[in-house]
PDB file of all heavy atoms in Angstrom:
ATOM      1  N   LEU A   1       1.507   0.060 -23.809  1.00  0.00           N
ATOM      2  CA  LEU A   1       0.884   0.671 -22.637  1.00  0.00           C
ATOM      3  C   LEU A   1       1.920   0.904 -21.537  1.00  0.00           C
ATOM      4  O   LEU A   1       3.059   0.483 -21.640  1.00  0.00           O
ATOM      5  CB  LEU A   1      -0.260  -0.209 -22.110  1.00  0.00           C
ATOM      6  CG  LEU A   1       0.012  -1.704 -21.865  1.00  0.00           C
ATOM      7  CD1 LEU A   1       0.717  -1.949 -20.553  1.00  0.00           C
ATOM      8  CD2 LEU A   1      -1.298  -2.486 -21.887  1.00  0.00           C
ATOM      9  N   THR A   2       1.472   1.579 -20.484  1.00  0.00           N
ATOM     10  CA  THR A   2       2.304   1.813 -19.295  1.00  0.00           C
ATOM     11  C   THR A   2       1.666   1.103 -18.117  1.00  0.00           C
ATOM     12  O   THR A   2       0.448   1.155 -17.926  1.00  0.00           O
ATOM     13  CB  THR A   2       2.413   3.314 -18.994  1.00  0.00           C
ATOM     14  OG1 THR A   2       3.072   3.964 -20.076  1.00  0.00           O
ATOM     15  CG2 THR A   2       3.207   3.553 -17.721  1.00  0.00           C
ATOM     16  N   VAL A   3       2.491   0.431 -17.326  1.00  0.00           N
ATOM     17  CA  VAL A   3       2.020  -0.294 -16.145  1.00  0.00           C
ATOM     18  C   VAL A   3       2.598   0.355 -14.896  1.00  0.00           C
ATOM     19  O   VAL A   3       3.800   0.635 -14.824  1.00  0.00           O
ATOM     20  CB  VAL A   3       2.433  -1.779 -16.198  1.00  0.00           C
ATOM     21  CG1 VAL A   3       1.982  -2.510 -14.939  1.00  0.00           C
ATOM     22  CG2 VAL A   3       1.859  -2.452 -17.434  1.00  0.00           C
ATOM     23  N   VAL A   4       1.720   0.605 -13.918  1.00  0.00           N
ATOM     24  CA  VAL A   4       2.146   1.136 -12.620  1.00  0.00           C
ATOM     25  C   VAL A   4       1.786   0.109 -11.554  1.00  0.00           C
ATOM     26  O   VAL A   4       0.612  -0.267 -11.417  1.00  0.00           O
ATOM     27  CB  VAL A   4       1.464   2.482 -12.301  1.00  0.00           C
ATOM     28  CG1 VAL A   4       1.971   3.026 -10.969  1.00  0.00           C
ATOM     29  CG2 VAL A   4       1.699   3.490 -13.418  1.00  0.00           C
ATOM     30  N   ASP A   5       2.782  -0.358 -10.803  1.00  0.00           N
ATOM     31  CA  ASP A   5       2.569  -1.376  -9.772  1.00  0.00           C
ATOM     32  C   ASP A   5       2.761  -0.736  -8.405  1.00  0.00           C
ATOM     33  O   ASP A   5       3.780  -0.074  -8.150  1.00  0.00           O
ATOM     34  CB  ASP A   5       3.560  -2.528  -9.970  1.00  0.00           C
ATOM     35  CG  ASP A   5       3.280  -3.679  -9.028  1.00  0.00           C
ATOM     36  OD1 ASP A   5       2.114  -3.861  -8.633  1.00  0.00           O
ATOM     37  OD2 ASP A   5       4.236  -4.403  -8.674  1.00  0.00           O
ATOM     38  N   VAL A   6       1.781  -0.910  -7.513  1.00  0.00           N
ATOM     39  CA  VAL A   6       1.846  -0.332  -6.165  1.00  0.00           C
ATOM     40  C   VAL A   6       2.253  -1.423  -5.179  1.00  0.00           C
ATOM     41  O   VAL A   6       1.672  -2.516  -5.174  1.00  0.00           O
ATOM     42  CB  VAL A   6       0.483   0.266  -5.752  1.00  0.00           C
ATOM     43  CG1 VAL A   6       0.578   0.911  -4.365  1.00  0.00           C
ATOM     44  CG2 VAL A   6       0.001   1.281  -6.784  1.00  0.00           C
ATOM     45  N   ASN A   7       3.251  -1.114  -4.322  1.00  0.00           N
ATOM     46  CA  ASN A   7       3.742  -2.091  -3.353  1.00  0.00           C
ATOM     47  C   ASN A   7       3.847  -1.453  -1.969  1.00  0.00           C
ATOM     48  O   ASN A   7       4.145  -0.254  -1.851  1.00  0.00           O
ATOM     49  CB  ASN A   7       5.136  -2.592  -3.762  1.00  0.00           C
ATOM     50  CG  ASN A   7       5.116  -3.288  -5.106  1.00  0.00           C
ATOM     51  OD1 ASN A   7       4.829  -4.466  -5.206  1.00  0.00           O
ATOM     52  ND2 ASN A   7       5.415  -2.539  -6.166  1.00  0.00           N
ATOM     53  N   THR A   8       3.638  -2.268  -0.909  1.00  0.00           N
ATOM     54  CA  THR A   8       3.745  -1.738   0.457  1.00  0.00           C
ATOM     55  C   THR A   8       5.186  -1.461   0.849  1.00  0.00           C
ATOM     56  O   THR A   8       5.455  -0.609   1.690  1.00  0.00           O
ATOM     57  CB  THR A   8       3.134  -2.724   1.476  1.00  0.00           C
ATOM     58  OG1 THR A   8       3.741  -4.005   1.281  1.00  0.00           O
ATOM     59  CG2 THR A   8       1.634  -2.833   1.298  1.00  0.00           C
ATOM     60  N   GLY A   9       6.137  -2.190   0.262  1.00  0.00           N
ATOM     61  CA  GLY A   9       7.546  -1.933   0.532  1.00  0.00           C
ATOM     62  C   GLY A   9       7.901  -2.051   1.999  1.00  0.00           C
ATOM     63  O   GLY A   9       7.616  -3.061   2.649  1.00  0.00           O
ATOM     64  N   ARG A  10       8.484  -0.967   2.546  1.00  0.00           N
ATOM     65  CA  ARG A  10       8.916  -0.985   3.951  1.00  0.00           C
ATOM     66  C   ARG A  10       7.776  -0.651   4.910  1.00  0.00           C
ATOM     67  O   ARG A  10       7.941  -0.699   6.126  1.00  0.00           O
ATOM     68  CB  ARG A  10      10.052   0.016   4.153  1.00  0.00           C
ATOM     69  CG  ARG A  10      11.334  -0.342   3.407  1.00  0.00           C
ATOM     70  CD  ARG A  10      12.499   0.486   3.884  1.00  0.00           C
ATOM     71  NE  ARG A  10      12.326   1.888   3.540  1.00  0.00           N
ATOM     72  CZ  ARG A  10      12.962   2.504   2.540  1.00  0.00           C
ATOM     73  NH1 ARG A  10      13.792   1.802   1.775  1.00  0.00           N
ATOM     74  NH2 ARG A  10      12.777   3.778   2.295  1.00  0.00           N
ATOM     75  N   TYR A  11       6.608  -0.276   4.364  1.00  0.00           N
ATOM     76  CA  TYR A  11       5.497   0.125   5.226  1.00  0.00           C
ATOM     77  C   TYR A  11       4.752  -1.119   5.709  1.00  0.00           C
ATOM     78  O   TYR A  11       4.210  -1.876   4.908  1.00  0.00           O
ATOM     79  CB  TYR A  11       4.533   1.043   4.467  1.00  0.00           C
ATOM     80  CG  TYR A  11       3.357   1.519   5.288  1.00  0.00           C
ATOM     81  CD1 TYR A  11       3.562   2.212   6.482  1.00  0.00           C
ATOM     82  CD2 TYR A  11       2.054   1.256   4.884  1.00  0.00           C
ATOM     83  CE1 TYR A  11       2.492   2.639   7.242  1.00  0.00           C
ATOM     84  CE2 TYR A  11       0.969   1.690   5.636  1.00  0.00           C
ATOM     85  CZ  TYR A  11       1.191   2.383   6.816  1.00  0.00           C
ATOM     86  OH  TYR A  11       0.132   2.812   7.569  1.00  0.00           O
ATOM     87  N   VAL A  12       4.755  -1.351   7.030  1.00  0.00           N
ATOM     88  CA  VAL A  12       4.112  -2.543   7.597  1.00  0.00           C
ATOM     89  C   VAL A  12       2.882  -2.209   8.423  1.00  0.00           C
ATOM     90  O   VAL A  12       2.230  -3.105   8.962  1.00  0.00           O
ATOM     91  CB  VAL A  12       5.117  -3.340   8.470  1.00  0.00           C
ATOM     92  CG1 VAL A  12       6.230  -3.892   7.615  1.00  0.00           C
ATOM     93  CG2 VAL A  12       5.679  -2.458   9.588  1.00  0.00           C
ATOM     94  N   GLY A  13       2.534  -0.920   8.534  1.00  0.00           N
ATOM     95  CA  GLY A  13       1.336  -0.528   9.270  1.00  0.00           C
ATOM     96  C   GLY A  13       1.477  -0.797  10.747  1.00  0.00           C
ATOM     97  O   GLY A  13       2.586  -0.891  11.291  1.00  0.00           O
ATOM     98  N   LYS A  14       0.313  -0.953  11.426  1.00  0.00           N
ATOM     99  CA  LYS A  14       0.327  -1.188  12.867  1.00  0.00           C
ATOM    100  C   LYS A  14      -0.225  -2.583  13.192  1.00  0.00           C
ATOM    101  O   LYS A  14       0.518  -3.515  13.434  1.00  0.00           O
ATOM    102  CB  LYS A  14      -0.449  -0.092  13.578  1.00  0.00           C
ATOM    103  CG  LYS A  14       0.238   1.277  13.462  1.00  0.00           C
ATOM    104  CD  LYS A  14      -0.502   2.356  14.226  1.00  0.00           C
ATOM    105  CE  LYS A  14       0.225   3.698  14.099  1.00  0.00           C
ATOM    106  NZ  LYS A  14      -0.490   4.784  14.821  1.00  0.00           N
ATOM    107  N   ASN A  15      -1.542  -2.717  13.180  1.00  0.00           N
ATOM    108  CA  ASN A  15      -2.087  -4.038  13.538  1.00  0.00           C
ATOM    109  C   ASN A  15      -3.268  -4.452  12.677  1.00  0.00           C
ATOM    110  O   ASN A  15      -3.978  -5.383  13.007  1.00  0.00           O
ATOM    111  CB  ASN A  15      -2.492  -4.051  15.018  1.00  0.00           C
ATOM    112  CG  ASN A  15      -3.450  -2.911  15.342  1.00  0.00           C
ATOM    113  OD1 ASN A  15      -3.992  -2.278  14.434  1.00  0.00           O
ATOM    114  ND2 ASN A  15      -3.636  -2.648  16.641  1.00  0.00           N
ATOM    115  N   ASN A  16      -3.482  -3.740  11.545  1.00  0.00           N
ATOM    116  CA  ASN A  16      -4.626  -4.053  10.696  1.00  0.00           C
ATOM    117  C   ASN A  16      -4.168  -4.097   9.243  1.00  0.00           C
ATOM    118  O   ASN A  16      -3.781  -3.078   8.670  1.00  0.00           O
ATOM    119  CB  ASN A  16      -5.716  -2.978  10.887  1.00  0.00           C
ATOM    120  CG  ASN A  16      -7.002  -3.325  10.161  1.00  0.00           C
ATOM    121  OD1 ASN A  16      -6.989  -3.647   8.984  1.00  0.00           O
ATOM    122  ND2 ASN A  16      -8.122  -3.250  10.880  1.00  0.00           N
ATOM    123  N   LEU A  17      -4.204  -5.289   8.646  1.00  0.00           N
ATOM    124  CA  LEU A  17      -3.709  -5.467   7.278  1.00  0.00           C
ATOM    125  C   LEU A  17      -4.511  -4.644   6.283  1.00  0.00           C
ATOM    126  O   LEU A  17      -3.942  -3.978   5.406  1.00  0.00           O
ATOM    127  CB  LEU A  17      -3.770  -6.953   6.898  1.00  0.00           C
ATOM    128  CG  LEU A  17      -3.418  -7.278   5.441  1.00  0.00           C
ATOM    129  CD1 LEU A  17      -1.992  -6.865   5.127  1.00  0.00           C
ATOM    130  CD2 LEU A  17      -3.625  -8.766   5.159  1.00  0.00           C
ATOM    131  N   ASN A  18      -5.839  -4.678   6.395  1.00  0.00           N
ATOM    132  CA  ASN A  18      -6.685  -3.933   5.449  1.00  0.00           C
ATOM    133  C   ASN A  18      -6.385  -2.437   5.490  1.00  0.00           C
ATOM    134  O   ASN A  18      -6.356  -1.769   4.454  1.00  0.00           O
ATOM    135  CB  ASN A  18      -8.171  -4.176   5.755  1.00  0.00           C
ATOM    136  CG  ASN A  18      -8.611  -5.579   5.381  1.00  0.00           C
ATOM    137  OD1 ASN A  18      -7.995  -6.218   4.528  1.00  0.00           O
ATOM    138  ND2 ASN A  18      -9.663  -6.074   6.021  1.00  0.00           N
ATOM    139  N   LYS A  19      -6.165  -1.918   6.687  1.00  0.00           N
ATOM    140  CA  LYS A  19      -5.867  -0.486   6.819  1.00  0.00           C
ATOM    141  C   LYS A  19      -4.502  -0.163   6.227  1.00  0.00           C
ATOM    142  O   LYS A  19      -4.303   0.878   5.601  1.00  0.00           O
ATOM    143  CB  LYS A  19      -5.918  -0.073   8.286  1.00  0.00           C
ATOM    144  CG  LYS A  19      -5.834   1.428   8.484  1.00  0.00           C
ATOM    145  CD  LYS A  19      -6.106   1.842   9.907  1.00  0.00           C
ATOM    146  CE  LYS A  19      -6.066   3.367  10.020  1.00  0.00           C
ATOM    147  NZ  LYS A  19      -6.324   3.825  11.417  1.00  0.00           N
ATOM    148  N   THR A  20      -3.530  -1.067   6.414  1.00  0.00           N
ATOM    149  CA  THR A  20      -2.197  -0.869   5.842  1.00  0.00           C
ATOM    150  C   THR A  20      -2.280  -0.787   4.318  1.00  0.00           C
ATOM    151  O   THR A  20      -1.699   0.106   3.686  1.00  0.00           O
ATOM    152  CB  THR A  20      -1.262  -2.031   6.237  1.00  0.00           C
ATOM    153  OG1 THR A  20      -1.168  -2.083   7.658  1.00  0.00           O
ATOM    154  CG2 THR A  20       0.126  -1.849   5.635  1.00  0.00           C
ATOM    155  N   ILE A  21      -3.042  -1.700   3.719  1.00  0.00           N
ATOM    156  CA  ILE A  21      -3.194  -1.732   2.262  1.00  0.00           C
ATOM    157  C   ILE A  21      -3.915  -0.478   1.767  1.00  0.00           C
ATOM    158  O   ILE A  21      -3.495   0.160   0.804  1.00  0.00           O
ATOM    159  CB  ILE A  21      -3.958  -3.003   1.844  1.00  0.00           C
ATOM    160  CG1 ILE A  21      -3.092  -4.247   2.085  1.00  0.00           C
ATOM    161  CG2 ILE A  21      -4.383  -2.923   0.372  1.00  0.00           C
ATOM    162  CD1 ILE A  21      -3.830  -5.553   1.890  1.00  0.00           C
ATOM    163  N   PHE A  22      -5.018  -0.119   2.466  1.00  0.00           N
ATOM    164  CA  PHE A  22      -5.801   1.045   2.053  1.00  0.00           C
ATOM    165  C   PHE A  22      -4.963   2.326   2.140  1.00  0.00           C
ATOM    166  O   PHE A  22      -4.990   3.164   1.231  1.00  0.00           O
ATOM    167  CB  PHE A  22      -7.047   1.160   2.926  1.00  0.00           C
ATOM    168  CG  PHE A  22      -7.935   2.320   2.559  1.00  0.00           C
ATOM    169  CD1 PHE A  22      -8.687   2.289   1.393  1.00  0.00           C
ATOM    170  CD2 PHE A  22      -8.010   3.447   3.369  1.00  0.00           C
ATOM    171  CE1 PHE A  22      -9.505   3.356   1.048  1.00  0.00           C
ATOM    172  CE2 PHE A  22      -8.819   4.514   3.032  1.00  0.00           C
ATOM    173  CZ  PHE A  22      -9.568   4.476   1.869  1.00  0.00           C
ATOM    174  N   THR A  23      -4.200   2.473   3.205  1.00  0.00           N
ATOM    175  CA  THR A  23      -3.360   3.669   3.389  1.00  0.00           C
ATOM    176  C   THR A  23      -2.314   3.780   2.286  1.00  0.00           C
ATOM    177  O   THR A  23      -2.080   4.852   1.726  1.00  0.00           O
ATOM    178  CB  THR A  23      -2.660   3.625   4.768  1.00  0.00           C
ATOM    179  OG1 THR A  23      -3.656   3.549   5.792  1.00  0.00           O
ATOM    180  CG2 THR A  23      -1.805   4.873   4.981  1.00  0.00           C
ATOM    181  N   THR A  24      -1.680   2.647   1.953  1.00  0.00           N
ATOM    182  CA  THR A  24      -0.664   2.644   0.887  1.00  0.00           C
ATOM    183  C   THR A  24      -1.295   3.013  -0.457  1.00  0.00           C
ATOM    184  O   THR A  24      -0.752   3.830  -1.212  1.00  0.00           O
ATOM    185  CB  THR A  24       0.004   1.263   0.781  1.00  0.00           C
ATOM    186  OG1 THR A  24       0.523   0.886   2.053  1.00  0.00           O
ATOM    187  CG2 THR A  24       1.127   1.289  -0.245  1.00  0.00           C
ATOM    188  N   ASN A  25      -2.439   2.431  -0.765  1.00  0.00           N
ATOM    189  CA  ASN A  25      -3.125   2.723  -2.034  1.00  0.00           C
ATOM    190  C   ASN A  25      -3.532   4.192  -2.126  1.00  0.00           C
ATOM    191  O   ASN A  25      -3.392   4.820  -3.185  1.00  0.00           O
ATOM    192  CB  ASN A  25      -4.357   1.833  -2.187  1.00  0.00           C
ATOM    193  CG  ASN A  25      -4.015   0.419  -2.642  1.00  0.00           C
ATOM    194  OD1 ASN A  25      -2.950   0.191  -3.210  1.00  0.00           O
ATOM    195  ND2 ASN A  25      -4.910  -0.521  -2.394  1.00  0.00           N
ATOM    196  N   MET A  26      -4.064   4.751  -1.046  1.00  0.00           N
ATOM    197  CA  MET A  26      -4.511   6.141  -1.061  1.00  0.00           C
ATOM    198  C   MET A  26      -3.330   7.097  -1.224  1.00  0.00           C
ATOM    199  O   MET A  26      -3.438   8.131  -1.888  1.00  0.00           O
ATOM    200  CB  MET A  26      -5.280   6.462   0.215  1.00  0.00           C
ATOM    201  CG  MET A  26      -6.635   5.787   0.301  1.00  0.00           C
ATOM    202  SD  MET A  26      -7.794   6.317  -0.999  1.00  0.00           S
ATOM    203  CE  MET A  26      -8.309   7.900  -0.349  1.00  0.00           C
ATOM    204  N   GLU A  27      -2.192   6.745  -0.641  1.00  0.00           N
ATOM    205  CA  GLU A  27      -1.003   7.581  -0.831  1.00  0.00           C
ATOM    206  C   GLU A  27      -0.505   7.465  -2.272  1.00  0.00           C
ATOM    207  O   GLU A  27      -0.065   8.450  -2.876  1.00  0.00           O
ATOM    208  CB  GLU A  27       0.098   7.159   0.141  1.00  0.00           C
ATOM    209  CG  GLU A  27       1.298   8.095   0.104  1.00  0.00           C
ATOM    210  CD  GLU A  27       2.419   7.664   1.025  1.00  0.00           C
ATOM    211  OE1 GLU A  27       2.326   6.583   1.640  1.00  0.00           O
ATOM    212  OE2 GLU A  27       3.414   8.412   1.107  1.00  0.00           O
ATOM    213  N   ALA A  28      -0.614   6.263  -2.823  1.00  0.00           N
ATOM    214  CA  ALA A  28      -0.159   6.035  -4.197  1.00  0.00           C
ATOM    215  C   ALA A  28      -0.991   6.825  -5.205  1.00  0.00           C
ATOM    216  O   ALA A  28      -0.474   7.266  -6.237  1.00  0.00           O
ATOM    217  CB  ALA A  28      -0.220   4.545  -4.526  1.00  0.00           C
TER     218      ALA A  28
END
């Protein structure tokens, strides 16, 4: 199989962790 792992990397968002995660996932 193929595995794709999504990471926030250098993106730290602003002041909301959930929004940072959601934004990264949606871009991915």
